[in-house]
Amino acid sequence: MKLVYVFDAYCGWSHGFSAPLREITSRHPELPVEVVSGGLFTGGRRVPMSAFGYIQGANRQISERTGARFGEAYRRLADEGSFVMDSEAAARGVAALRRAAPDRAAELVTDLQRAFYVDGQSLSDPATYRQLADAAGLDADAVVDFFEAPEARAEAAADFRRAAELGVTGFPTLLAVDGERVTTLAHGHATIDEVDRRLAALDAECPS
């Protein structure tokens, strides 16, 4: 069995799930984690933040329910409104970080969301990935080179297809995948203990 985390780097609820995700993966080191970018803002949805009037209210709700912090730099970006959230570019960044450290993908994507939602950094800017890679002790040149390479676009597109094949229609979604059996552990929001109970129920159904 493995965990599959389907999220979008520009999804506030995914940011809200960052702390539970890190704790869950820490509690269950025996479970491999596959991280998949979902593609929330692609095509015609790549428009300035000002076009999404619900963002500020949604962020307050996310903070209240999850305790997630939205930084001042991000709030200035949202208030100004001209920034365009491009999930394809963010998915290329996820692919670059994931390739550099596959076993740390869950950790790295929570760092990626912090870069946007706390520090207000663009996830379309190669400099953001250089900084993240340096902080994580990765080869920053390799990460940036892959982010800008055609292969990263192909991986982003493959992620979007994978999310659709899994039937995921909202982010974040945490799945337990065991062969052909796919079980939803969290959708939108869940506590660490709720996820643990669902995992324990799966173990009880299929003892080793």
N, C-alpha and C. Protein backbone atom coordinates (compact mmCIF):
# COMPACT_ATOMS: atom_id res chain seq x y z
N MET A 1 0.84 -1.19 0.00
CA MET A 1 0.00 0.00 0.00
C MET A 1 0.88 1.24 0.00
N LYS A 2 0.40 2.30 -0.63
CA LYS A 2 1.10 3.58 -0.61
C LYS A 2 0.08 4.70 -0.47
N LEU A 3 0.58 5.88 -0.10
CA LEU A 3 -0.25 7.07 -0.06
C LEU A 3 -0.07 7.84 -1.36
N VAL A 4 -1.17 8.37 -1.88
CA VAL A 4 -1.12 9.24 -3.05
C VAL A 4 -1.73 10.57 -2.65
N TYR A 5 -0.94 11.62 -2.73
CA TYR A 5 -1.39 12.95 -2.35
C TYR A 5 -1.60 13.78 -3.60
N VAL A 6 -2.86 14.10 -3.88
CA VAL A 6 -3.20 14.90 -5.06
C VAL A 6 -3.56 16.30 -4.57
N PHE A 7 -2.82 17.27 -5.01
CA PHE A 7 -2.97 18.62 -4.50
C PHE A 7 -2.72 19.61 -5.63
N ASP A 8 -2.93 20.88 -5.34
CA ASP A 8 -2.47 21.91 -6.26
C ASP A 8 -1.70 22.95 -5.46
N ALA A 9 -0.56 23.34 -5.98
CA ALA A 9 0.30 24.26 -5.23
C ALA A 9 -0.37 25.61 -5.01
N TYR A 10 -1.34 25.98 -5.84
CA TYR A 10 -2.06 27.24 -5.69
C TYR A 10 -3.43 27.04 -5.05
N CYS A 11 -3.63 25.95 -4.35
CA CYS A 11 -4.88 25.68 -3.65
C CYS A 11 -4.70 25.97 -2.16
N GLY A 12 -5.48 26.92 -1.63
CA GLY A 12 -5.35 27.29 -0.23
C GLY A 12 -5.66 26.15 0.72
N TRP A 13 -6.62 25.30 0.36
CA TRP A 13 -6.95 24.16 1.22
C TRP A 13 -5.80 23.15 1.23
N SER A 14 -5.06 23.04 0.13
CA SER A 14 -3.87 22.19 0.14
C SER A 14 -2.82 22.77 1.09
N HIS A 15 -2.66 24.09 1.09
CA HIS A 15 -1.76 24.73 2.06
C HIS A 15 -2.21 24.42 3.48
N GLY A 16 -3.53 24.45 3.70
CA GLY A 16 -4.06 24.14 5.02
C GLY A 16 -3.81 22.71 5.45
N PHE A 17 -3.58 21.83 4.49
CA PHE A 17 -3.33 20.41 4.81
C PHE A 17 -1.84 20.11 4.95
N SER A 18 -0.99 21.11 4.81
CA SER A 18 0.46 20.88 4.84
C SER A 18 0.92 20.26 6.15
N ALA A 19 0.47 20.83 7.29
CA ALA A 19 0.92 20.30 8.59
C ALA A 19 0.42 18.87 8.81
N PRO A 20 -0.88 18.58 8.57
CA PRO A 20 -1.30 17.17 8.70
C PRO A 20 -0.53 16.23 7.78
N LEU A 21 -0.27 16.65 6.56
CA LEU A 21 0.46 15.79 5.62
C LEU A 21 1.84 15.44 6.17
N ARG A 22 2.54 16.43 6.67
CA ARG A 22 3.89 16.17 7.18
C ARG A 22 3.84 15.24 8.40
N GLU A 23 2.84 15.43 9.25
CA GLU A 23 2.73 14.58 10.44
C GLU A 23 2.35 13.16 10.05
N ILE A 24 1.44 13.02 9.11
CA ILE A 24 1.00 11.68 8.67
C ILE A 24 2.18 10.91 8.08
N THR A 25 2.94 11.57 7.21
CA THR A 25 4.07 10.89 6.58
C THR A 25 5.15 10.58 7.62
N SER A 26 5.26 11.43 8.65
CA SER A 26 6.22 11.16 9.72
C SER A 26 5.79 9.95 10.55
N ARG A 27 4.49 9.84 10.80
CA ARG A 27 3.97 8.72 11.60
C ARG A 27 4.03 7.40 10.85
N HIS A 28 4.01 7.48 9.53
CA HIS A 28 3.92 6.25 8.73
C HIS A 28 5.07 6.19 7.70
N PRO A 29 6.31 6.10 8.18
CA PRO A 29 7.44 6.04 7.25
C PRO A 29 7.44 4.78 6.39
N GLU A 30 6.65 3.77 6.80
CA GLU A 30 6.57 2.52 6.03
C GLU A 30 5.76 2.67 4.75
N LEU A 31 5.01 3.80 4.62
CA LEU A 31 4.15 3.99 3.45
C LEU A 31 4.82 4.95 2.46
N PRO A 32 5.15 4.47 1.26
CA PRO A 32 5.66 5.40 0.24
C PRO A 32 4.60 6.44 -0.08
N VAL A 33 5.05 7.63 -0.50
CA VAL A 33 4.12 8.71 -0.83
C VAL A 33 4.36 9.15 -2.27
N GLU A 34 3.31 9.09 -3.06
CA GLU A 34 3.32 9.62 -4.43
C GLU A 34 2.62 10.97 -4.41
N VAL A 35 3.29 12.01 -4.88
CA VAL A 35 2.72 13.35 -4.91
C VAL A 35 2.34 13.69 -6.34
N VAL A 36 1.09 14.11 -6.53
CA VAL A 36 0.55 14.38 -7.86
C VAL A 36 -0.02 15.80 -7.90
N SER A 37 0.37 16.58 -8.89
CA SER A 37 -0.20 17.93 -9.08
C SER A 37 -1.52 17.82 -9.82
N GLY A 38 -2.52 18.55 -9.31
CA GLY A 38 -3.87 18.40 -9.87
C GLY A 38 -4.25 19.33 -11.00
N GLY A 39 -3.64 20.50 -11.11
CA GLY A 39 -3.95 21.38 -12.23
C GLY A 39 -5.19 22.22 -12.03
N LEU A 40 -5.24 23.01 -10.96
CA LEU A 40 -6.42 23.81 -10.65
C LEU A 40 -6.57 25.02 -11.56
N PHE A 41 -5.46 25.74 -11.76
CA PHE A 41 -5.51 26.96 -12.57
C PHE A 41 -4.72 26.74 -13.86
N THR A 42 -5.39 26.20 -14.84
CA THR A 42 -4.81 25.97 -16.16
C THR A 42 -5.77 26.50 -17.21
N GLY A 43 -5.28 26.61 -18.44
CA GLY A 43 -6.15 27.07 -19.54
C GLY A 43 -6.79 28.40 -19.23
N GLY A 44 -8.10 28.47 -19.40
CA GLY A 44 -8.84 29.72 -19.20
C GLY A 44 -8.92 30.17 -17.76
N ARG A 45 -8.52 29.32 -16.81
CA ARG A 45 -8.53 29.72 -15.39
C ARG A 45 -7.24 30.42 -14.98
N ARG A 46 -6.31 30.58 -15.91
CA ARG A 46 -5.09 31.33 -15.61
C ARG A 46 -5.38 32.82 -15.81
N VAL A 47 -5.93 33.42 -14.80
CA VAL A 47 -6.33 34.83 -14.84
C VAL A 47 -5.84 35.50 -13.56
N PRO A 48 -5.84 36.84 -13.49
CA PRO A 48 -5.38 37.53 -12.28
C PRO A 48 -6.19 37.12 -11.05
N MET A 49 -5.54 37.17 -9.90
CA MET A 49 -6.18 36.78 -8.65
C MET A 49 -7.44 37.60 -8.38
N SER A 50 -7.48 38.82 -8.87
CA SER A 50 -8.64 39.67 -8.64
C SER A 50 -9.91 39.08 -9.24
N ALA A 51 -9.77 38.14 -10.20
CA ALA A 51 -10.94 37.52 -10.82
C ALA A 51 -11.63 36.53 -9.88
N PHE A 52 -10.93 36.14 -8.81
CA PHE A 52 -11.49 35.16 -7.88
C PHE A 52 -11.87 35.88 -6.59
N GLY A 53 -13.09 36.37 -6.56
CA GLY A 53 -13.53 37.18 -5.44
C GLY A 53 -13.65 36.44 -4.12
N TYR A 54 -13.59 35.11 -4.18
CA TYR A 54 -13.79 34.32 -2.96
C TYR A 54 -12.51 34.08 -2.19
N ILE A 55 -11.37 34.47 -2.71
CA ILE A 55 -10.09 34.06 -2.13
C ILE A 55 -9.94 34.51 -0.69
N GLN A 56 -10.20 35.78 -0.41
CA GLN A 56 -9.97 36.28 0.95
C GLN A 56 -10.87 35.56 1.96
N GLY A 57 -12.15 35.39 1.63
CA GLY A 57 -13.06 34.69 2.54
C GLY A 57 -12.66 33.25 2.73
N ALA A 58 -12.24 32.60 1.64
CA ALA A 58 -11.81 31.21 1.74
C ALA A 58 -10.58 31.08 2.62
N ASN A 59 -9.65 32.02 2.50
CA ASN A 59 -8.44 31.95 3.31
C ASN A 59 -8.74 32.11 4.80
N ARG A 60 -9.70 32.97 5.13
CA ARG A 60 -10.09 33.09 6.54
C ARG A 60 -10.66 31.78 7.06
N GLN A 61 -11.48 31.14 6.23
CA GLN A 61 -12.07 29.86 6.63
C GLN A 61 -10.99 28.79 6.79
N ILE A 62 -10.03 28.78 5.87
CA ILE A 62 -8.93 27.81 5.95
C ILE A 62 -8.14 28.01 7.24
N SER A 63 -7.83 29.26 7.56
CA SER A 63 -7.08 29.54 8.79
C SER A 63 -7.85 29.09 10.02
N GLU A 64 -9.16 29.37 10.04
CA GLU A 64 -9.98 29.01 11.19
C GLU A 64 -10.06 27.49 11.37
N ARG A 65 -10.16 26.77 10.28
CA ARG A 65 -10.35 25.31 10.37
C ARG A 65 -9.05 24.54 10.52
N THR A 66 -7.96 25.07 9.97
CA THR A 66 -6.72 24.30 9.93
C THR A 66 -5.58 24.93 10.73
N GLY A 67 -5.68 26.20 11.04
CA GLY A 67 -4.58 26.89 11.71
C GLY A 67 -3.48 27.33 10.77
N ALA A 68 -3.66 27.14 9.47
CA ALA A 68 -2.63 27.52 8.50
C ALA A 68 -2.45 29.04 8.49
N ARG A 69 -1.22 29.46 8.28
CA ARG A 69 -0.90 30.89 8.28
C ARG A 69 -0.74 31.39 6.85
N PHE A 70 -1.28 32.56 6.60
CA PHE A 70 -1.09 33.25 5.33
C PHE A 70 -0.27 34.50 5.63
N GLY A 71 0.91 34.59 5.02
CA GLY A 71 1.85 35.65 5.35
C GLY A 71 1.47 37.00 4.78
N GLU A 72 2.10 38.03 5.33
CA GLU A 72 1.82 39.40 4.89
C GLU A 72 2.20 39.60 3.42
N ALA A 73 3.30 39.00 2.98
CA ALA A 73 3.71 39.15 1.58
C ALA A 73 2.67 38.55 0.65
N TYR A 74 2.12 37.40 1.02
CA TYR A 74 1.06 36.80 0.22
C TYR A 74 -0.19 37.67 0.24
N ARG A 75 -0.57 38.20 1.41
CA ARG A 75 -1.78 39.02 1.49
C ARG A 75 -1.66 40.27 0.63
N ARG A 76 -0.46 40.86 0.58
CA ARG A 76 -0.27 42.01 -0.30
C ARG A 76 -0.47 41.62 -1.75
N LEU A 77 0.03 40.45 -2.12
CA LEU A 77 -0.12 39.95 -3.48
C LEU A 77 -1.60 39.77 -3.82
N ALA A 78 -2.35 39.16 -2.90
CA ALA A 78 -3.77 38.93 -3.13
C ALA A 78 -4.55 40.24 -3.19
N ASP A 79 -4.20 41.18 -2.32
CA ASP A 79 -4.90 42.46 -2.30
C ASP A 79 -4.65 43.25 -3.58
N GLU A 80 -3.41 43.21 -4.07
CA GLU A 80 -3.07 43.94 -5.30
C GLU A 80 -3.80 43.34 -6.51
N GLY A 81 -3.85 42.01 -6.57
CA GLY A 81 -4.75 41.32 -7.48
C GLY A 81 -4.29 41.01 -8.88
N SER A 82 -3.13 41.47 -9.31
CA SER A 82 -2.74 41.25 -10.71
C SER A 82 -1.97 39.95 -10.92
N PHE A 83 -1.54 39.31 -9.84
CA PHE A 83 -0.75 38.09 -9.97
C PHE A 83 -1.59 36.97 -10.57
N VAL A 84 -1.00 36.23 -11.51
CA VAL A 84 -1.68 35.12 -12.18
C VAL A 84 -1.15 33.80 -11.63
N MET A 85 -2.05 33.01 -11.06
CA MET A 85 -1.69 31.68 -10.56
C MET A 85 -1.70 30.70 -11.74
N ASP A 86 -0.56 30.11 -12.02
CA ASP A 86 -0.41 29.21 -13.16
C ASP A 86 -0.04 27.83 -12.64
N SER A 87 -1.02 26.94 -12.57
CA SER A 87 -0.78 25.62 -11.99
C SER A 87 0.14 24.75 -12.84
N GLU A 88 0.20 25.02 -14.14
CA GLU A 88 1.11 24.23 -14.98
C GLU A 88 2.55 24.53 -14.63
N ALA A 89 2.86 25.82 -14.42
CA ALA A 89 4.22 26.18 -14.02
C ALA A 89 4.55 25.59 -12.65
N ALA A 90 3.60 25.67 -11.72
CA ALA A 90 3.82 25.11 -10.39
C ALA A 90 4.03 23.60 -10.46
N ALA A 91 3.28 22.93 -11.33
CA ALA A 91 3.43 21.48 -11.48
C ALA A 91 4.80 21.13 -12.06
N ARG A 92 5.33 21.99 -12.91
CA ARG A 92 6.70 21.77 -13.41
C ARG A 92 7.70 21.89 -12.26
N GLY A 93 7.44 22.84 -11.36
CA GLY A 93 8.31 22.98 -10.19
C GLY A 93 8.22 21.77 -9.28
N VAL A 94 7.01 21.27 -9.07
CA VAL A 94 6.83 20.06 -8.28
C VAL A 94 7.61 18.91 -8.91
N ALA A 95 7.51 18.78 -10.23
CA ALA A 95 8.21 17.70 -10.93
C ALA A 95 9.72 17.82 -10.74
N ALA A 96 10.23 19.05 -10.78
CA ALA A 96 11.67 19.26 -10.63
C ALA A 96 12.14 18.91 -9.22
N LEU A 97 11.39 19.33 -8.22
CA LEU A 97 11.76 19.01 -6.84
C LEU A 97 11.60 17.51 -6.56
N ARG A 98 10.54 16.95 -7.09
CA ARG A 98 10.27 15.51 -6.90
C ARG A 98 11.37 14.67 -7.53
N ARG A 99 11.84 15.08 -8.68
CA ARG A 99 12.91 14.34 -9.35
C ARG A 99 14.21 14.42 -8.55
N ALA A 100 14.47 15.57 -7.95
CA ALA A 100 15.71 15.76 -7.20
C ALA A 100 15.72 14.95 -5.91
N ALA A 101 14.55 14.76 -5.29
CA ALA A 101 14.49 14.03 -4.01
C ALA A 101 13.15 13.32 -3.91
N PRO A 102 12.99 12.19 -4.61
CA PRO A 102 11.69 11.51 -4.65
C PRO A 102 11.15 11.14 -3.28
N ASP A 103 12.01 10.75 -2.36
CA ASP A 103 11.56 10.31 -1.04
C ASP A 103 11.14 11.48 -0.14
N ARG A 104 11.41 12.70 -0.58
CA ARG A 104 11.07 13.88 0.22
C ARG A 104 9.99 14.73 -0.45
N ALA A 105 9.28 14.15 -1.40
CA ALA A 105 8.33 14.94 -2.19
C ALA A 105 7.26 15.62 -1.33
N ALA A 106 6.71 14.90 -0.35
CA ALA A 106 5.66 15.49 0.49
C ALA A 106 6.19 16.68 1.27
N GLU A 107 7.38 16.54 1.82
CA GLU A 107 8.02 17.64 2.55
C GLU A 107 8.25 18.83 1.63
N LEU A 108 8.75 18.57 0.43
CA LEU A 108 9.13 19.65 -0.48
C LEU A 108 7.92 20.42 -1.00
N VAL A 109 6.80 19.73 -1.23
CA VAL A 109 5.64 20.47 -1.75
C VAL A 109 5.01 21.33 -0.65
N THR A 110 5.15 20.94 0.62
CA THR A 110 4.67 21.83 1.67
C THR A 110 5.58 23.06 1.77
N ASP A 111 6.88 22.89 1.55
CA ASP A 111 7.79 24.04 1.49
C ASP A 111 7.42 24.94 0.31
N LEU A 112 7.05 24.32 -0.80
CA LEU A 112 6.67 25.07 -2.00
C LEU A 112 5.44 25.93 -1.72
N GLN A 113 4.46 25.36 -1.04
CA GLN A 113 3.25 26.13 -0.75
C GLN A 113 3.55 27.25 0.25
N ARG A 114 4.44 27.00 1.17
CA ARG A 114 4.84 28.06 2.10
C ARG A 114 5.49 29.22 1.34
N ALA A 115 6.27 28.91 0.32
CA ALA A 115 6.92 29.97 -0.46
C ALA A 115 5.89 30.92 -1.05
N PHE A 116 4.74 30.39 -1.47
CA PHE A 116 3.69 31.25 -2.04
C PHE A 116 2.82 31.85 -0.95
N TYR A 117 2.25 31.00 -0.10
CA TYR A 117 1.21 31.46 0.83
C TYR A 117 1.74 32.21 2.05
N VAL A 118 3.01 32.09 2.33
CA VAL A 118 3.61 32.84 3.44
C VAL A 118 4.52 33.94 2.90
N ASP A 119 5.42 33.56 1.97
CA ASP A 119 6.43 34.49 1.50
C ASP A 119 6.03 35.26 0.24
N GLY A 120 4.90 34.90 -0.37
CA GLY A 120 4.42 35.63 -1.54
C GLY A 120 5.27 35.47 -2.78
N GLN A 121 6.00 34.36 -2.90
CA GLN A 121 6.87 34.14 -4.05
C GLN A 121 6.10 33.48 -5.19
N SER A 122 6.47 33.83 -6.41
CA SER A 122 5.83 33.25 -7.59
C SER A 122 6.32 31.83 -7.82
N LEU A 123 5.38 30.93 -8.08
CA LEU A 123 5.75 29.55 -8.40
C LEU A 123 5.99 29.36 -9.89
N SER A 124 6.03 30.48 -10.62
CA SER A 124 6.45 30.46 -12.02
C SER A 124 7.88 30.95 -12.19
N ASP A 125 8.51 31.37 -11.10
CA ASP A 125 9.83 32.00 -11.14
C ASP A 125 10.91 30.97 -10.80
N PRO A 126 11.86 30.74 -11.71
CA PRO A 126 12.94 29.78 -11.41
C PRO A 126 13.68 30.10 -10.12
N ALA A 127 13.75 31.40 -9.76
CA ALA A 127 14.47 31.77 -8.53
C ALA A 127 13.83 31.16 -7.29
N THR A 128 12.52 30.97 -7.33
CA THR A 128 11.83 30.35 -6.19
C THR A 128 12.33 28.93 -5.99
N TYR A 129 12.50 28.20 -7.08
CA TYR A 129 12.95 26.80 -6.99
C TYR A 129 14.43 26.72 -6.63
N ARG A 130 15.19 27.69 -7.06
CA ARG A 130 16.60 27.72 -6.66
C ARG A 130 16.70 27.89 -5.14
N GLN A 131 15.90 28.80 -4.59
CA GLN A 131 15.91 29.04 -3.16
C GLN A 131 15.44 27.80 -2.40
N LEU A 132 14.35 27.18 -2.85
CA LEU A 132 13.84 25.98 -2.18
C LEU A 132 14.86 24.84 -2.23
N ALA A 133 15.48 24.66 -3.38
CA ALA A 133 16.47 23.59 -3.51
C ALA A 133 17.67 23.83 -2.60
N ASP A 134 18.15 25.08 -2.57
CA ASP A 134 19.28 25.41 -1.69
C ASP A 134 18.92 25.12 -0.23
N ALA A 135 17.73 25.53 0.18
CA ALA A 135 17.32 25.35 1.58
C ALA A 135 17.19 23.87 1.93
N ALA A 136 16.84 23.05 0.94
CA ALA A 136 16.66 21.61 1.17
C ALA A 136 17.94 20.81 0.95
N GLY A 137 19.03 21.50 0.58
CA GLY A 137 20.29 20.80 0.36
C GLY A 137 20.33 20.02 -0.95
N LEU A 138 19.54 20.47 -1.93
CA LEU A 138 19.50 19.80 -3.23
C LEU A 138 20.37 20.53 -4.24
N ASP A 139 20.59 19.90 -5.38
CA ASP A 139 21.35 20.52 -6.47
C ASP A 139 20.45 21.56 -7.14
N ALA A 140 20.64 22.81 -6.78
CA ALA A 140 19.75 23.88 -7.26
C ALA A 140 19.83 24.04 -8.77
N ASP A 141 21.02 23.91 -9.34
CA ASP A 141 21.15 24.05 -10.79
C ASP A 141 20.33 22.97 -11.51
N ALA A 142 20.39 21.74 -11.00
CA ALA A 142 19.65 20.64 -11.63
C ALA A 142 18.15 20.87 -11.50
N VAL A 143 17.71 21.37 -10.36
CA VAL A 143 16.28 21.62 -10.16
C VAL A 143 15.80 22.70 -11.12
N VAL A 144 16.52 23.79 -11.24
CA VAL A 144 16.11 24.88 -12.13
C VAL A 144 16.17 24.43 -13.59
N ASP A 145 17.21 23.70 -13.95
CA ASP A 145 17.33 23.22 -15.33
C ASP A 145 16.14 22.34 -15.70
N PHE A 146 15.73 21.46 -14.80
CA PHE A 146 14.59 20.59 -15.11
C PHE A 146 13.29 21.38 -15.16
N PHE A 147 13.12 22.32 -14.25
CA PHE A 147 11.93 23.18 -14.25
C PHE A 147 11.73 23.84 -15.61
N GLU A 148 12.82 24.22 -16.25
CA GLU A 148 12.75 24.95 -17.52
C GLU A 148 12.80 24.03 -18.74
N ALA A 149 12.94 22.71 -18.52
CA ALA A 149 13.09 21.76 -19.63
C ALA A 149 11.73 21.27 -20.14
N PRO A 150 11.66 20.85 -21.40
CA PRO A 150 10.41 20.31 -21.94
C PRO A 150 9.90 19.10 -21.16
N GLU A 151 10.82 18.32 -20.59
CA GLU A 151 10.40 17.13 -19.84
C GLU A 151 9.52 17.50 -18.65
N ALA A 152 9.74 18.68 -18.08
CA ALA A 152 8.92 19.10 -16.94
C ALA A 152 7.47 19.33 -17.38
N ARG A 153 7.29 19.89 -18.57
CA ARG A 153 5.92 20.08 -19.09
C ARG A 153 5.24 18.73 -19.29
N ALA A 154 6.00 17.77 -19.78
CA ALA A 154 5.44 16.43 -19.99
C ALA A 154 5.04 15.81 -18.65
N GLU A 155 5.88 15.99 -17.62
CA GLU A 155 5.54 15.44 -16.30
C GLU A 155 4.32 16.14 -15.70
N ALA A 156 4.21 17.44 -15.90
CA ALA A 156 3.05 18.17 -15.40
C ALA A 156 1.77 17.64 -16.05
N ALA A 157 1.83 17.46 -17.36
CA ALA A 157 0.66 16.92 -18.07
C ALA A 157 0.32 15.51 -17.60
N ALA A 158 1.35 14.71 -17.34
CA ALA A 158 1.13 13.35 -16.85
C ALA A 158 0.49 13.38 -15.46
N ASP A 159 0.89 14.33 -14.62
CA ASP A 159 0.28 14.48 -13.30
C ASP A 159 -1.21 14.79 -13.44
N PHE A 160 -1.55 15.72 -14.32
CA PHE A 160 -2.95 16.10 -14.48
C PHE A 160 -3.78 14.89 -14.95
N ARG A 161 -3.21 14.09 -15.84
CA ARG A 161 -3.91 12.88 -16.29
C ARG A 161 -4.06 11.88 -15.15
N ARG A 162 -3.02 11.74 -14.35
CA ARG A 162 -3.04 10.80 -13.22
C ARG A 162 -4.14 11.20 -12.23
N ALA A 163 -4.25 12.48 -11.95
CA ALA A 163 -5.29 12.95 -11.02
C ALA A 163 -6.67 12.62 -11.57
N ALA A 164 -6.86 12.83 -12.86
CA ALA A 164 -8.16 12.53 -13.48
C ALA A 164 -8.44 11.04 -13.46
N GLU A 165 -7.43 10.22 -13.73
CA GLU A 165 -7.62 8.77 -13.72
C GLU A 165 -8.00 8.26 -12.33
N LEU A 166 -7.50 8.94 -11.30
CA LEU A 166 -7.83 8.56 -9.92
C LEU A 166 -9.21 9.06 -9.51
N GLY A 167 -9.83 9.85 -10.37
CA GLY A 167 -11.17 10.37 -10.07
C GLY A 167 -11.18 11.53 -9.10
N VAL A 168 -10.05 12.19 -8.95
CA VAL A 168 -9.96 13.31 -8.01
C VAL A 168 -10.54 14.56 -8.65
N THR A 169 -11.50 15.17 -7.97
CA THR A 169 -12.15 16.37 -8.50
C THR A 169 -11.97 17.58 -7.59
N GLY A 170 -11.31 17.42 -6.46
CA GLY A 170 -11.05 18.54 -5.56
C GLY A 170 -9.76 18.32 -4.81
N PHE A 171 -9.17 19.42 -4.36
CA PHE A 171 -7.85 19.37 -3.72
C PHE A 171 -7.91 19.98 -2.33
N PRO A 172 -7.12 19.44 -1.41
CA PRO A 172 -6.27 18.26 -1.56
C PRO A 172 -7.07 16.98 -1.35
N THR A 173 -6.58 15.90 -1.93
CA THR A 173 -7.14 14.57 -1.69
C THR A 173 -5.99 13.62 -1.36
N LEU A 174 -6.12 12.94 -0.24
CA LEU A 174 -5.13 11.94 0.17
C LEU A 174 -5.76 10.57 0.03
N LEU A 175 -5.11 9.71 -0.73
CA LEU A 175 -5.63 8.38 -1.02
C LEU A 175 -4.68 7.32 -0.48
N ALA A 176 -5.24 6.18 -0.12
CA ALA A 176 -4.47 4.96 0.12
C ALA A 176 -4.70 4.06 -1.08
N VAL A 177 -3.64 3.68 -1.74
CA VAL A 177 -3.74 2.86 -2.94
C VAL A 177 -3.04 1.53 -2.69
N ASP A 178 -3.81 0.46 -2.82
CA ASP A 178 -3.29 -0.89 -2.60
C ASP A 178 -3.75 -1.74 -3.78
N GLY A 179 -2.86 -1.88 -4.77
CA GLY A 179 -3.25 -2.59 -5.99
C GLY A 179 -4.35 -1.82 -6.70
N GLU A 180 -5.48 -2.48 -6.92
CA GLU A 180 -6.61 -1.85 -7.60
C GLU A 180 -7.53 -1.11 -6.63
N ARG A 181 -7.30 -1.28 -5.34
CA ARG A 181 -8.18 -0.66 -4.35
C ARG A 181 -7.68 0.74 -4.00
N VAL A 182 -8.58 1.72 -4.13
CA VAL A 182 -8.26 3.11 -3.83
C VAL A 182 -9.23 3.60 -2.75
N THR A 183 -8.70 4.07 -1.63
CA THR A 183 -9.52 4.53 -0.51
C THR A 183 -9.19 5.98 -0.20
N THR A 184 -10.21 6.82 -0.08
CA THR A 184 -10.00 8.22 0.26
C THR A 184 -9.79 8.35 1.76
N LEU A 185 -8.65 8.93 2.13
CA LEU A 185 -8.32 9.17 3.53
C LEU A 185 -8.65 10.59 3.95
N ALA A 186 -8.56 11.52 3.02
CA ALA A 186 -8.87 12.92 3.30
C ALA A 186 -9.26 13.61 2.01
N HIS A 187 -10.23 14.49 2.11
CA HIS A 187 -10.66 15.26 0.94
C HIS A 187 -11.00 16.67 1.42
N GLY A 188 -10.23 17.64 0.98
CA GLY A 188 -10.43 19.01 1.42
C GLY A 188 -9.76 19.27 2.76
N HIS A 189 -10.23 18.57 3.79
CA HIS A 189 -9.62 18.74 5.10
C HIS A 189 -9.92 17.51 5.95
N ALA A 190 -8.95 17.11 6.73
CA ALA A 190 -9.14 16.05 7.73
C ALA A 190 -8.05 16.22 8.76
N THR A 191 -8.33 15.82 9.99
CA THR A 191 -7.31 15.89 11.03
C THR A 191 -6.39 14.69 10.91
N ILE A 192 -5.26 14.81 11.57
CA ILE A 192 -4.29 13.71 11.58
C ILE A 192 -4.92 12.46 12.17
N ASP A 193 -5.66 12.63 13.25
CA ASP A 193 -6.27 11.47 13.91
C ASP A 193 -7.33 10.81 13.03
N GLU A 194 -8.08 11.61 12.28
CA GLU A 194 -9.08 11.05 11.37
C GLU A 194 -8.41 10.19 10.30
N VAL A 195 -7.32 10.69 9.76
CA VAL A 195 -6.59 9.91 8.75
C VAL A 195 -6.03 8.64 9.37
N ASP A 196 -5.49 8.74 10.57
CA ASP A 196 -4.94 7.56 11.24
C ASP A 196 -6.02 6.50 11.47
N ARG A 197 -7.21 6.94 11.87
CA ARG A 197 -8.29 5.98 12.09
C ARG A 197 -8.67 5.27 10.79
N ARG A 198 -8.68 6.01 9.70
CA ARG A 198 -9.02 5.40 8.41
C ARG A 198 -7.94 4.43 7.95
N LEU A 199 -6.70 4.76 8.23
CA LEU A 199 -5.61 3.83 7.91
C LEU A 199 -5.70 2.58 8.77
N ALA A 200 -6.02 2.75 10.05
CA ALA A 200 -6.14 1.61 10.95
C ALA A 200 -7.27 0.69 10.50
N ALA A 201 -8.36 1.29 10.02
CA ALA A 201 -9.49 0.48 9.52
C ALA A 201 -9.07 -0.33 8.30
N LEU A 202 -8.25 0.25 7.44
CA LEU A 202 -7.77 -0.48 6.29
C LEU A 202 -6.87 -1.65 6.72
N ASP A 203 -6.01 -1.39 7.69
CA ASP A 203 -5.15 -2.46 8.19
C ASP A 203 -5.96 -3.60 8.79
N ALA A 204 -7.06 -3.25 9.45
CA ALA A 204 -7.91 -4.28 10.07
C ALA A 204 -8.61 -5.12 9.01
N GLU A 205 -8.94 -4.49 7.88
CA GLU A 205 -9.60 -5.21 6.79
C GLU A 205 -8.65 -6.17 6.09
N CYS A 206 -7.38 -5.72 6.00
CA CYS A 206 -6.40 -6.52 5.26
C CYS A 206 -5.16 -6.71 6.13
N PRO A 207 -5.23 -7.56 7.14
CA PRO A 207 -4.05 -7.78 7.98
C PRO A 207 -2.94 -8.42 7.19
N SER A 208 -1.71 -8.06 7.55
CA SER A 208 -0.55 -8.63 6.83
C SER A 208 -0.27 -10.04 7.31
